[in-house]
Amino acid sequence: MALGLYVVVMVFCRKPTTQAGRRALVARESKIIENTKQTMVMRGGKTSDNVNKALRDLVRFLLCVSFSI
C-alpha cells in the first residue's frame, strides 16, 4: 500500500521536459490574486423565498447605485 502512494507522489514530482509542459504547469499553479469570478443567479419555479428576496434586494441595490452615478 505504501508503494502505491510512493508511485503517485513520484508522478506528481516529475519535471516537465518540454516548454509546453512548463507553460501548462505554470498556468495550473496557485496565484496570489485569483481571476475575477462570475455568478449567474436566476429566478425559477423551484427557487426558495430566500433566493427570491436576495435577488429582489440585489436588483434594488443595483438600481440605486446606477441612478446615484
C-alpha atoms as a PDB file:
ATOM      1  CA  MET A   1       0.000   0.000   0.000  1.00  0.00           C
ATOM      2  CA  ALA A   2       2.803   2.416   0.798  1.00  0.00           C
ATOM      3  CA  LEU A   3       4.429   1.593  -2.525  1.00  0.00           C
ATOM      4  CA  GLY A   4       1.348   2.783  -4.420  1.00  0.00           C
ATOM      5  CA  LEU A   5       1.404   6.099  -2.561  1.00  0.00           C
ATOM      6  CA  TYR A   6       5.097   6.486  -3.342  1.00  0.00           C
ATOM      7  CA  VAL A   7       4.447   5.980  -7.059  1.00  0.00           C
ATOM      8  CA  VAL A   8       1.704   8.631  -7.056  1.00  0.00           C
ATOM      9  CA  VAL A   9       3.987  11.126  -5.330  1.00  0.00           C
ATOM     10  CA  MET A  10       6.773  10.453  -7.816  1.00  0.00           C
ATOM     11  CA  VAL A  11       4.434  11.018 -10.763  1.00  0.00           C
ATOM     12  CA  PHE A  12       3.460  14.468  -9.498  1.00  0.00           C
ATOM     13  CA  CYS A  13       7.083  15.432  -8.777  1.00  0.00           C
ATOM     14  CA  ARG A  14       8.375  14.855 -12.322  1.00  0.00           C
ATOM     15  CA  LYS A  15       9.693  17.920 -14.042  1.00  0.00           C
ATOM     16  CA  PRO A  16       8.320  18.812 -17.468  1.00  0.00           C
ATOM     17  CA  THR A  17      10.602  18.083 -20.386  1.00  0.00           C
ATOM     18  CA  THR A  18       9.106  20.475 -22.924  1.00  0.00           C
ATOM     19  CA  GLN A  19       8.360  24.178 -22.918  1.00  0.00           C
ATOM     20  CA  ALA A  20       4.652  23.461 -23.437  1.00  0.00           C
ATOM     21  CA  GLY A  21       4.681  21.289 -20.327  1.00  0.00           C
ATOM     22  CA  ARG A  22       6.309  24.060 -18.323  1.00  0.00           C
ATOM     23  CA  ARG A  23       3.708  26.575 -19.503  1.00  0.00           C
ATOM     24  CA  ALA A  24       0.911  24.165 -18.568  1.00  0.00           C
ATOM     25  CA  LEU A  25       2.280  23.749 -15.039  1.00  0.00           C
ATOM     26  CA  VAL A  26       2.696  27.496 -14.593  1.00  0.00           C
ATOM     27  CA  ALA A  27      -0.895  28.035 -15.721  1.00  0.00           C
ATOM     28  CA  ARG A  28      -2.163  25.459 -13.200  1.00  0.00           C
ATOM     29  CA  GLU A  29      -0.228  26.666 -10.157  1.00  0.00           C
ATOM     30  CA  SER A  30      -1.943  28.729  -7.477  1.00  0.00           C
ATOM     31  CA  LYS A  31      -1.990  32.504  -7.826  1.00  0.00           C
ATOM     32  CA  ILE A  32      -1.598  35.232  -5.247  1.00  0.00           C
ATOM     33  CA  ILE A  33      -4.512  37.166  -6.746  1.00  0.00           C
ATOM     34  CA  GLU A  34      -7.165  34.993  -8.375  1.00  0.00           C
ATOM     35  CA  ASN A  35      -9.009  35.927 -11.549  1.00  0.00           C
ATOM     36  CA  THR A  36     -12.434  37.506 -11.254  1.00  0.00           C
ATOM     37  CA  LYS A  37     -15.341  35.118 -10.992  1.00  0.00           C
ATOM     38  CA  GLN A  38     -18.849  35.482 -12.381  1.00  0.00           C
ATOM     39  CA  THR A  39     -22.036  34.041 -10.969  1.00  0.00           C
ATOM     40  CA  MET A  40     -25.445  33.841 -12.599  1.00  0.00           C
ATOM     41  CA  VAL A  41     -28.449  33.534 -10.285  1.00  0.00           C
ATOM     42  CA  MET A  42     -31.803  33.062 -11.927  1.00  0.00           C
ATOM     43  CA  ARG A  43     -35.299  33.003 -10.618  1.00  0.00           C
ATOM     44  CA  GLY A  44     -37.181  29.826 -11.392  1.00  0.00           C
ATOM     45  CA  GLY A  45     -40.162  27.757 -10.434  1.00  0.00           C
ATOM     46  CA  LYS A  46     -38.325  25.945  -7.651  1.00  0.00           C
ATOM     47  CA  THR A  47     -36.269  28.770  -6.148  1.00  0.00           C
ATOM     48  CA  SER A  48     -36.781  29.357  -2.456  1.00  0.00           C
ATOM     49  CA  ASP A  49     -38.194  32.502  -0.933  1.00  0.00           C
ATOM     50  CA  ASN A  50     -34.735  33.398   0.391  1.00  0.00           C
ATOM     51  CA  VAL A  51     -33.276  33.361  -3.122  1.00  0.00           C
ATOM     52  CA  ASN A  52     -36.138  35.478  -4.446  1.00  0.00           C
ATOM     53  CA  LYS A  53     -35.645  38.014  -1.639  1.00  0.00           C
ATOM     54  CA  ALA A  54     -31.899  38.130  -2.290  1.00  0.00           C
ATOM     55  CA  LEU A  55     -32.497  38.744  -5.993  1.00  0.00           C
ATOM     56  CA  ARG A  56     -35.009  41.469  -5.211  1.00  0.00           C
ATOM     57  CA  ASP A  57     -32.532  43.160  -2.846  1.00  0.00           C
ATOM     58  CA  LEU A  58     -29.750  42.858  -5.409  1.00  0.00           C
ATOM     59  CA  VAL A  59     -31.841  44.493  -8.132  1.00  0.00           C
ATOM     60  CA  ARG A  60     -32.859  47.331  -5.804  1.00  0.00           C
ATOM     61  CA  PHE A  61     -29.229  47.867  -4.810  1.00  0.00           C
ATOM     62  CA  LEU A  62     -28.043  47.906  -8.426  1.00  0.00           C
ATOM     63  CA  LEU A  63     -30.798  50.351  -9.403  1.00  0.00           C
ATOM     64  CA  CYS A  64     -29.860  52.677  -6.549  1.00  0.00           C
ATOM     65  CA  VAL A  65     -26.200  52.547  -7.493  1.00  0.00           C
ATOM     66  CA  SER A  66     -26.861  53.171 -11.191  1.00  0.00           C
ATOM     67  CA  PHE A  67     -29.119  56.168 -10.500  1.00  0.00           C
ATOM     68  CA  SER A  68     -26.713  57.705  -7.998  1.00  0.00           C
ATOM     69  CA  ILE A  69     -23.867  57.847 -10.536  1.00  0.00           C
END
